[in-house]
């Protein structure tokens, strides 16, 4: 008889906890319905999961865009480095051609 009473008490405690969980769940549903104005739980659930998917897609797109931005920055640095090398080479080549032009001028003056 004592065992039966103990099991009954355990079951009553479990039942009370489940009732509390169910009440909390319905309270949450009531607050969601009041704030959204939507009474159909399927609609609320589908919108929630749809928003969650959209959020994940936006996070993935943001990661992709940040990677693309970093790739473009690397490419920009490479182009600037190459451009500077061309400028240095062009300045050298320009001076070299000026010297060559002066030599030709001197050669023309000397032979004339």
Foldseek 3Di string as FASTA:
>chain_A
DVVVVVVVVVVVVVVVVVVVVVVVVVVVLVVVCVVVVDNDVVVVVVVVVVVVVVVVVVVVVVVVVVVVVVVVVVVVVVVVVVVVVVVVVVVVVVVVVVVVVVVVVVVVVVVD
